Amino acid sequence: MKTRLLWDKILRMCIKLCMLTGVAFTFAACYGTTYEPNFEFEASGEITNEGNEPIENVEVTVKYRGCPVCGKYSDKEGNYLIRQGYFPTVDSIDIVARDTSGIYEPDSVRVEVVVDPATKTKWSEGSFVVKQDFQLRKKE
């Protein structure tokens, strides 16, 4: 009994750590289930300033209920691409663009998840693709 309580405590601490660090976590591995609903996810877009010039090193994060799930940085051309093969089943996500240099205001958008039913398989609820561009304004 004490061993079970200890493992439950360790599991809860690991989940909290994963949430704080933004690491995707699957409960299937912990509970031994063979199937957990999930999506294959892709988000892409371009990040520019008000003069339509690309902005490099903008952190783009995908969040669900305020918790980061995955993220990437924009390249020299201002493009970002996030691919996540195992994404939790959700109804909407927030995509947040935050300039790491501090020159531009952050921007975000809430996107409704629309799954392509033709992509559903035994192990996946399907896939969804989001194309979202951002035009960031300079801080005042």
N, C-alpha and C. Protein backbone atom coordinates (compact mmCIF):
# COMPACT_ATOMS: atom_id res chain seq x y z
N MET A 1 0.83 -1.20 0.00
CA MET A 1 0.00 0.00 0.00
C MET A 1 0.87 1.26 0.00
N LYS A 2 1.91 1.26 0.85
CA LYS A 2 2.79 2.43 0.91
C LYS A 2 3.52 2.63 -0.41
N THR A 3 3.89 1.52 -1.06
CA THR A 3 4.58 1.61 -2.35
C THR A 3 3.67 2.26 -3.38
N ARG A 4 2.40 1.87 -3.40
CA ARG A 4 1.44 2.44 -4.35
C ARG A 4 1.28 3.94 -4.11
N LEU A 5 1.18 4.37 -2.86
CA LEU A 5 1.06 5.79 -2.54
C LEU A 5 2.30 6.56 -2.97
N LEU A 6 3.46 5.96 -2.77
CA LEU A 6 4.71 6.59 -3.19
C LEU A 6 4.75 6.78 -4.70
N TRP A 7 4.36 5.72 -5.45
CA TRP A 7 4.34 5.83 -6.92
C TRP A 7 3.34 6.86 -7.39
N ASP A 8 2.17 6.95 -6.75
CA ASP A 8 1.18 7.97 -7.11
C ASP A 8 1.74 9.37 -6.87
N LYS A 9 2.46 9.54 -5.78
CA LYS A 9 3.07 10.84 -5.47
C LYS A 9 4.13 11.20 -6.51
N ILE A 10 4.96 10.23 -6.88
CA ILE A 10 5.99 10.45 -7.90
C ILE A 10 5.35 10.79 -9.23
N LEU A 11 4.28 10.07 -9.60
CA LEU A 11 3.58 10.34 -10.85
C LEU A 11 3.02 11.76 -10.88
N ARG A 12 2.40 12.18 -9.79
CA ARG A 12 1.86 13.55 -9.72
C ARG A 12 2.96 14.59 -9.85
N MET A 13 4.11 14.36 -9.23
CA MET A 13 5.22 15.30 -9.34
C MET A 13 5.75 15.35 -10.77
N CYS A 14 5.83 14.20 -11.44
CA CYS A 14 6.29 14.16 -12.83
C CYS A 14 5.33 14.91 -13.75
N ILE A 15 4.05 14.75 -13.53
CA ILE A 15 3.05 15.46 -14.34
C ILE A 15 3.19 16.96 -14.15
N LYS A 16 3.34 17.41 -12.92
CA LYS A 16 3.53 18.84 -12.65
C LYS A 16 4.79 19.36 -13.32
N LEU A 17 5.87 18.60 -13.24
CA LEU A 17 7.12 19.00 -13.87
C LEU A 17 6.96 19.11 -15.38
N CYS A 18 6.28 18.15 -15.98
CA CYS A 18 6.04 18.19 -17.43
C CYS A 18 5.20 19.41 -17.81
N MET A 19 4.20 19.72 -17.01
CA MET A 19 3.36 20.89 -17.31
C MET A 19 4.16 22.18 -17.18
N LEU A 20 5.01 22.26 -16.17
CA LEU A 20 5.80 23.48 -15.97
C LEU A 20 6.84 23.68 -17.06
N THR A 21 7.39 22.60 -17.58
CA THR A 21 8.43 22.72 -18.59
C THR A 21 7.88 22.66 -20.01
N GLY A 22 6.59 22.39 -20.16
CA GLY A 22 6.00 22.35 -21.49
C GLY A 22 6.25 21.06 -22.24
N VAL A 23 6.63 20.02 -21.54
CA VAL A 23 6.89 18.73 -22.18
C VAL A 23 5.57 17.98 -22.34
N ALA A 24 5.34 17.48 -23.55
CA ALA A 24 4.13 16.68 -23.77
C ALA A 24 4.24 15.39 -22.97
N PHE A 25 3.14 14.94 -22.43
CA PHE A 25 3.14 13.80 -21.54
C PHE A 25 1.98 12.89 -21.88
N THR A 26 2.21 11.62 -21.94
CA THR A 26 1.13 10.68 -22.22
C THR A 26 0.81 9.86 -20.98
N PHE A 27 -0.47 9.84 -20.64
CA PHE A 27 -0.90 9.07 -19.49
C PHE A 27 -0.98 7.59 -19.82
N ALA A 28 -1.04 7.26 -21.11
CA ALA A 28 -1.13 5.86 -21.53
C ALA A 28 0.06 5.06 -21.04
N ALA A 29 1.24 5.68 -21.06
CA ALA A 29 2.45 4.98 -20.63
C ALA A 29 2.39 4.67 -19.13
N CYS A 30 1.78 5.56 -18.36
CA CYS A 30 1.73 5.36 -16.91
C CYS A 30 0.66 4.37 -16.49
N TYR A 31 -0.45 4.41 -17.15
CA TYR A 31 -1.57 3.57 -16.72
C TYR A 31 -1.69 2.29 -17.52
N GLY A 32 -0.80 2.07 -18.48
CA GLY A 32 -0.78 0.82 -19.19
C GLY A 32 -1.91 0.65 -20.19
N THR A 33 -2.60 1.72 -20.55
CA THR A 33 -3.66 1.59 -21.54
C THR A 33 -3.04 1.49 -22.92
N THR A 34 -3.74 0.86 -23.82
CA THR A 34 -3.20 0.68 -25.16
C THR A 34 -3.67 1.77 -26.11
N TYR A 35 -4.62 2.60 -25.68
CA TYR A 35 -5.12 3.63 -26.59
C TYR A 35 -5.51 4.87 -25.80
N GLU A 36 -5.02 5.99 -26.24
CA GLU A 36 -5.42 7.29 -25.68
C GLU A 36 -5.71 8.19 -26.86
N PRO A 37 -6.89 8.81 -26.90
CA PRO A 37 -7.20 9.68 -28.06
C PRO A 37 -6.14 10.76 -28.24
N ASN A 38 -5.71 10.94 -29.48
CA ASN A 38 -4.72 11.97 -29.79
C ASN A 38 -4.84 12.39 -31.24
N PHE A 39 -4.20 13.50 -31.57
CA PHE A 39 -4.18 14.04 -32.92
C PHE A 39 -2.76 14.12 -33.42
N GLU A 40 -2.61 14.18 -34.72
CA GLU A 40 -1.36 14.62 -35.33
C GLU A 40 -1.60 16.07 -35.69
N PHE A 41 -0.65 16.93 -35.35
CA PHE A 41 -0.85 18.37 -35.42
C PHE A 41 0.27 19.04 -36.19
N GLU A 42 -0.10 20.06 -36.98
CA GLU A 42 0.89 20.89 -37.66
C GLU A 42 0.40 22.33 -37.69
N ALA A 43 1.27 23.24 -37.29
CA ALA A 43 0.98 24.68 -37.37
C ALA A 43 2.12 25.34 -38.11
N SER A 44 1.78 26.25 -39.01
CA SER A 44 2.82 26.96 -39.75
C SER A 44 2.33 28.37 -40.04
N GLY A 45 3.27 29.22 -40.41
CA GLY A 45 2.91 30.58 -40.76
C GLY A 45 4.13 31.45 -40.88
N GLU A 46 3.86 32.73 -41.10
CA GLU A 46 4.92 33.71 -41.28
C GLU A 46 4.73 34.81 -40.25
N ILE A 47 5.85 35.31 -39.73
CA ILE A 47 5.81 36.38 -38.75
C ILE A 47 6.54 37.58 -39.33
N THR A 48 5.80 38.69 -39.43
CA THR A 48 6.37 39.92 -40.00
C THR A 48 6.08 41.09 -39.07
N ASN A 49 6.76 42.21 -39.35
CA ASN A 49 6.47 43.44 -38.63
C ASN A 49 5.47 44.26 -39.45
N GLU A 50 5.20 45.49 -39.02
CA GLU A 50 4.21 46.33 -39.71
C GLU A 50 4.65 46.71 -41.12
N GLY A 51 5.93 46.63 -41.41
CA GLY A 51 6.44 46.91 -42.75
C GLY A 51 6.54 45.65 -43.60
N ASN A 52 5.91 44.56 -43.17
CA ASN A 52 5.94 43.26 -43.85
C ASN A 52 7.34 42.68 -43.99
N GLU A 53 8.25 43.04 -43.08
CA GLU A 53 9.59 42.46 -43.05
C GLU A 53 9.58 41.27 -42.09
N PRO A 54 10.23 40.16 -42.48
CA PRO A 54 10.22 38.98 -41.60
C PRO A 54 10.95 39.23 -40.29
N ILE A 55 10.48 38.59 -39.23
CA ILE A 55 11.09 38.71 -37.92
C ILE A 55 11.63 37.33 -37.52
N GLU A 56 12.92 37.29 -37.21
CA GLU A 56 13.59 36.05 -36.82
C GLU A 56 13.52 35.86 -35.30
N ASN A 57 13.60 34.62 -34.85
CA ASN A 57 13.66 34.24 -33.43
C ASN A 57 12.43 34.65 -32.61
N VAL A 58 11.28 34.62 -33.23
CA VAL A 58 10.04 34.82 -32.49
C VAL A 58 9.60 33.45 -31.97
N GLU A 59 9.34 33.38 -30.68
CA GLU A 59 8.92 32.12 -30.07
C GLU A 59 7.42 31.93 -30.35
N VAL A 60 7.08 30.84 -31.00
CA VAL A 60 5.69 30.51 -31.27
C VAL A 60 5.34 29.29 -30.45
N THR A 61 4.36 29.44 -29.57
CA THR A 61 3.98 28.38 -28.65
C THR A 61 2.53 28.01 -28.85
N VAL A 62 2.26 26.72 -28.85
CA VAL A 62 0.89 26.22 -28.89
C VAL A 62 0.51 25.88 -27.45
N LYS A 63 -0.60 26.47 -27.01
CA LYS A 63 -1.05 26.26 -25.63
C LYS A 63 -2.48 25.71 -25.63
N TYR A 64 -2.75 24.93 -24.60
CA TYR A 64 -4.11 24.45 -24.35
C TYR A 64 -4.43 24.76 -22.91
N ARG A 65 -5.48 25.55 -22.70
CA ARG A 65 -5.90 25.99 -21.37
C ARG A 65 -4.75 26.64 -20.61
N GLY A 66 -3.96 27.42 -21.32
CA GLY A 66 -2.87 28.17 -20.71
C GLY A 66 -1.57 27.40 -20.52
N CYS A 67 -1.59 26.09 -20.75
CA CYS A 67 -0.38 25.28 -20.58
C CYS A 67 0.30 25.06 -21.93
N PRO A 68 1.59 25.34 -22.04
CA PRO A 68 2.28 25.10 -23.30
C PRO A 68 2.35 23.61 -23.63
N VAL A 69 2.07 23.30 -24.90
CA VAL A 69 2.12 21.92 -25.36
C VAL A 69 3.36 21.70 -26.23
N CYS A 70 3.62 22.64 -27.14
CA CYS A 70 4.79 22.54 -28.00
C CYS A 70 5.10 23.93 -28.57
N GLY A 71 6.28 24.08 -29.14
CA GLY A 71 6.66 25.37 -29.69
C GLY A 71 7.94 25.31 -30.49
N LYS A 72 8.17 26.38 -31.25
CA LYS A 72 9.36 26.54 -32.08
C LYS A 72 9.67 28.03 -32.20
N TYR A 73 10.78 28.34 -32.91
CA TYR A 73 11.16 29.72 -33.19
C TYR A 73 11.11 29.97 -34.69
N SER A 74 10.82 31.21 -35.05
CA SER A 74 10.79 31.56 -36.47
C SER A 74 12.22 31.64 -37.02
N ASP A 75 12.37 31.33 -38.31
CA ASP A 75 13.68 31.36 -38.96
C ASP A 75 13.98 32.74 -39.53
N LYS A 76 15.06 32.86 -40.32
CA LYS A 76 15.47 34.15 -40.89
C LYS A 76 14.40 34.78 -41.77
N GLU A 77 13.61 33.93 -42.44
CA GLU A 77 12.55 34.43 -43.32
C GLU A 77 11.25 34.69 -42.56
N GLY A 78 11.26 34.51 -41.24
CA GLY A 78 10.07 34.74 -40.42
C GLY A 78 9.09 33.58 -40.41
N ASN A 79 9.49 32.45 -40.97
CA ASN A 79 8.60 31.29 -41.03
C ASN A 79 8.78 30.41 -39.80
N TYR A 80 7.68 29.79 -39.39
CA TYR A 80 7.74 28.79 -38.32
C TYR A 80 6.95 27.56 -38.76
N LEU A 81 7.35 26.42 -38.23
CA LEU A 81 6.67 25.16 -38.51
C LEU A 81 6.75 24.31 -37.25
N ILE A 82 5.59 23.95 -36.74
CA ILE A 82 5.50 23.11 -35.56
C ILE A 82 4.78 21.83 -35.96
N ARG A 83 5.43 20.71 -35.73
CA ARG A 83 4.80 19.41 -35.98
C ARG A 83 4.83 18.61 -34.69
N GLN A 84 3.71 18.05 -34.35
CA GLN A 84 3.60 17.24 -33.15
C GLN A 84 2.86 15.97 -33.51
N GLY A 85 3.54 14.83 -33.44
CA GLY A 85 2.93 13.57 -33.82
C GLY A 85 1.94 13.06 -32.80
N TYR A 86 2.10 13.49 -31.56
CA TYR A 86 1.19 13.04 -30.51
C TYR A 86 0.69 14.29 -29.80
N PHE A 87 -0.53 14.70 -30.12
CA PHE A 87 -1.10 15.93 -29.57
C PHE A 87 -2.40 15.56 -28.86
N PRO A 88 -2.63 16.05 -27.64
CA PRO A 88 -3.83 15.64 -26.91
C PRO A 88 -5.12 16.04 -27.63
N THR A 89 -6.17 15.27 -27.41
CA THR A 89 -7.47 15.56 -28.01
C THR A 89 -8.04 16.80 -27.34
N VAL A 90 -8.23 17.86 -28.13
CA VAL A 90 -8.73 19.13 -27.61
C VAL A 90 -9.74 19.72 -28.60
N ASP A 91 -10.47 20.75 -28.15
CA ASP A 91 -11.43 21.41 -29.03
C ASP A 91 -10.91 22.71 -29.61
N SER A 92 -9.97 23.34 -28.92
CA SER A 92 -9.36 24.57 -29.42
C SER A 92 -7.97 24.72 -28.82
N ILE A 93 -7.14 25.53 -29.48
CA ILE A 93 -5.78 25.80 -29.01
C ILE A 93 -5.51 27.29 -29.12
N ASP A 94 -4.53 27.75 -28.38
CA ASP A 94 -4.05 29.12 -28.50
C ASP A 94 -2.66 29.06 -29.12
N ILE A 95 -2.43 29.91 -30.12
CA ILE A 95 -1.10 30.03 -30.70
C ILE A 95 -0.60 31.41 -30.32
N VAL A 96 0.56 31.44 -29.67
CA VAL A 96 1.12 32.68 -29.12
C VAL A 96 2.46 32.96 -29.79
N ALA A 97 2.61 34.18 -30.31
CA ALA A 97 3.88 34.62 -30.91
C ALA A 97 4.48 35.68 -29.98
N ARG A 98 5.70 35.40 -29.48
CA ARG A 98 6.35 36.32 -28.54
C ARG A 98 7.76 36.60 -29.03
N ASP A 99 8.04 37.89 -29.29
CA ASP A 99 9.36 38.30 -29.75
C ASP A 99 10.36 38.19 -28.61
N THR A 100 11.42 37.42 -28.82
CA THR A 100 12.41 37.21 -27.76
C THR A 100 13.34 38.41 -27.57
N SER A 101 13.38 39.32 -28.55
CA SER A 101 14.24 40.50 -28.42
C SER A 101 13.59 41.61 -27.60
N GLY A 102 12.27 41.53 -27.43
CA GLY A 102 11.56 42.54 -26.65
C GLY A 102 11.19 43.78 -27.45
N ILE A 103 11.41 43.79 -28.75
CA ILE A 103 11.10 44.95 -29.59
C ILE A 103 9.61 45.01 -29.93
N TYR A 104 9.00 43.84 -30.12
CA TYR A 104 7.61 43.79 -30.60
C TYR A 104 6.67 43.27 -29.52
N GLU A 105 5.41 43.71 -29.59
CA GLU A 105 4.35 43.24 -28.71
C GLU A 105 4.02 41.79 -29.05
N PRO A 106 3.71 40.98 -28.07
CA PRO A 106 3.28 39.61 -28.38
C PRO A 106 1.88 39.62 -29.00
N ASP A 107 1.54 38.54 -29.66
CA ASP A 107 0.22 38.40 -30.27
C ASP A 107 -0.22 36.95 -30.10
N SER A 108 -1.52 36.74 -30.05
CA SER A 108 -2.03 35.38 -29.92
C SER A 108 -3.39 35.27 -30.60
N VAL A 109 -3.76 34.04 -30.87
CA VAL A 109 -5.04 33.76 -31.49
C VAL A 109 -5.54 32.41 -30.99
N ARG A 110 -6.85 32.31 -30.77
CA ARG A 110 -7.46 31.03 -30.41
C ARG A 110 -8.01 30.41 -31.68
N VAL A 111 -7.67 29.14 -31.90
CA VAL A 111 -8.05 28.44 -33.12
C VAL A 111 -8.89 27.23 -32.74
N GLU A 112 -10.03 27.08 -33.40
CA GLU A 112 -10.85 25.89 -33.20
C GLU A 112 -10.22 24.72 -33.95
N VAL A 113 -10.16 23.58 -33.29
CA VAL A 113 -9.57 22.40 -33.89
C VAL A 113 -10.58 21.77 -34.86
N VAL A 114 -10.17 21.65 -36.12
CA VAL A 114 -11.00 21.01 -37.13
C VAL A 114 -10.19 19.83 -37.68
N VAL A 115 -10.65 18.63 -37.37
CA VAL A 115 -9.92 17.42 -37.74
C VAL A 115 -10.40 16.92 -39.10
N ASP A 116 -9.45 16.52 -39.92
CA ASP A 116 -9.78 15.91 -41.20
C ASP A 116 -10.20 14.46 -40.92
N PRO A 117 -11.49 14.11 -41.09
CA PRO A 117 -11.94 12.76 -40.75
C PRO A 117 -11.29 11.66 -41.58
N ALA A 118 -10.80 12.00 -42.76
CA ALA A 118 -10.16 11.00 -43.61
C ALA A 118 -8.83 10.52 -43.04
N THR A 119 -8.27 11.24 -42.07
CA THR A 119 -6.97 10.89 -41.50
C THR A 119 -7.08 10.05 -40.23
N LYS A 120 -8.30 9.74 -39.81
CA LYS A 120 -8.48 8.96 -38.58
C LYS A 120 -7.99 7.52 -38.80
N THR A 121 -7.24 7.03 -37.80
CA THR A 121 -6.74 5.66 -37.83
C THR A 121 -7.07 4.98 -36.50
N LYS A 122 -6.64 3.75 -36.36
CA LYS A 122 -6.87 3.02 -35.12
C LYS A 122 -6.19 3.73 -33.93
N TRP A 123 -5.01 4.32 -34.16
CA TRP A 123 -4.23 4.91 -33.08
C TRP A 123 -4.32 6.42 -33.01
N SER A 124 -5.05 7.04 -33.92
CA SER A 124 -5.11 8.50 -33.95
C SER A 124 -6.52 8.96 -34.29
N GLU A 125 -6.94 10.02 -33.66
CA GLU A 125 -8.24 10.61 -33.95
C GLU A 125 -8.21 11.38 -35.27
N GLY A 126 -7.04 11.46 -35.88
CA GLY A 126 -6.88 12.16 -37.15
C GLY A 126 -5.83 13.24 -37.05
N SER A 127 -5.81 14.11 -38.03
CA SER A 127 -4.82 15.19 -38.01
C SER A 127 -5.51 16.52 -38.31
N PHE A 128 -4.88 17.57 -37.82
CA PHE A 128 -5.36 18.90 -38.17
C PHE A 128 -4.18 19.81 -38.44
N VAL A 129 -4.40 20.73 -39.37
CA VAL A 129 -3.37 21.64 -39.83
C VAL A 129 -3.87 23.06 -39.62
N VAL A 130 -3.00 23.91 -39.08
CA VAL A 130 -3.33 25.31 -38.84
C VAL A 130 -2.32 26.18 -39.59
N LYS A 131 -2.81 27.11 -40.37
CA LYS A 131 -1.95 28.10 -41.04
C LYS A 131 -2.28 29.44 -40.38
N GLN A 132 -1.33 30.01 -39.66
CA GLN A 132 -1.59 31.26 -38.93
C GLN A 132 -0.39 32.20 -39.07
N ASP A 133 -0.61 33.31 -39.74
CA ASP A 133 0.42 34.35 -39.86
C ASP A 133 0.22 35.38 -38.74
N PHE A 134 1.32 36.02 -38.35
CA PHE A 134 1.28 37.08 -37.34
C PHE A 134 1.99 38.31 -37.88
N GLN A 135 1.41 39.48 -37.61
CA GLN A 135 2.07 40.75 -37.91
C GLN A 135 2.22 41.48 -36.57
N LEU A 136 3.46 41.53 -36.10
CA LEU A 136 3.70 42.10 -34.77
C LEU A 136 3.96 43.59 -34.85
N ARG A 137 3.45 44.31 -33.84
CA ARG A 137 3.65 45.76 -33.76
C ARG A 137 4.75 46.07 -32.77
N LYS A 138 5.51 47.14 -33.04
CA LYS A 138 6.57 47.56 -32.13
C LYS A 138 5.96 48.04 -30.82
N LYS A 139 6.70 47.78 -29.72
CA LYS A 139 6.28 48.26 -28.41
C LYS A 139 6.38 49.78 -28.37
N GLU A 140 5.47 50.37 -27.68
CA GLU A 140 5.48 51.84 -27.55
C GLU A 140 6.25 52.29 -26.36
